[in-house]
Every structure is written in C-alpha cells, then in structure tokens.
Amino acid sequence: GPLVWVLLWVVASIIYRNSRGKAILPSKPKDGLFYEGWASGHSNTNIFTKLGGAHNCLLVAVTLDALIIQPRFPFNLMFLPEIYGLEYRIPGLNIRAVEKKGRIFGKGVEIQFIDGGGGEKSVRLYLKRTDDFLAAIGKISDIVRN
C-alpha cells in the first residue's frame, strides 16, 4: 500500500544521501563562526520553491570558508532538499551578494551565489540573529551590504 511506497522513498533518499556523503543527522560544524539550528528560508529558483520553503527546520552555519544551509532530520529525507533547493555548502568565494530584505513579518537575508555546477542561485533565509549572520559572512566574503 501507500505506506510501503513512502518507506521505499525514505530508504532511497537515505541511500542517495549516503552515496553523496550528505549527513543523515546534520550537526553543528566544529569551526563555526555562526550557527543557527532552526532557521527558515526558501530557494528563489522558481515559484514552486519560493512557495514551498522550510519553516524552522534549517540548520545554517558559517564556517571559516563556507556558508552551509541544510535541512534538519527528518526534513532532509524523501529528496525534499533536492526538490526545494535548500541544501548547500557554498564556498565564501562563490558568494556574490548578501542583502537584508524587509518583509512584513520579520526580516530576511537574500544570498546570491554560484552553485557547484557554476549556475547562479539565490536563497532567502529568515534568521533570529541576522546581524550575527551578516558579521560572520563578512569574515569569509567581502560583499556584505546592509
């Protein structure tokens, strides 16, 4: 029945994540300049990803050389990060622009970057500690604009 298909989909996604070296239980990086464990956000790839973002289930970290965005378990299963475009390890050099964006309910930060395939991408994050995030990003990339 349907439950069997859901379980197969979960197992397939776990096998896929393992084959790509992606964590099943992501954790706080050791060399973090910034870490927030329950952020929200969405990819700006298309209308589908803009509407179907992540609400309070993203792990966002800035390390000495990269910005890491990844969904927490179990939101990283069933190919959800791939479908919604919300799992990245972006080297500081690939960050093109970081800008605060106003929103009626809370402030967002828009990040434009070059992805692993060389394409331009953009995500919007909603963080509780926006200024700390911008300060950390400023240490690994010199393009932060407030």
Foldseek 3Di string as FASTA:
>chain_A
DVVVVVVVLQVVQVVVCVVVVHDQADDADPQFLDWDAFKWKFWVPDPVRRVDTGHGFWIWTFGQFWTFIDGGPPCSGSCNCVVGVTTATATLVFWDEWEWDDDPPAIKIKTWGQGPVRDIIIMIMGDPCVVSVLVSSCNNYVHYDD
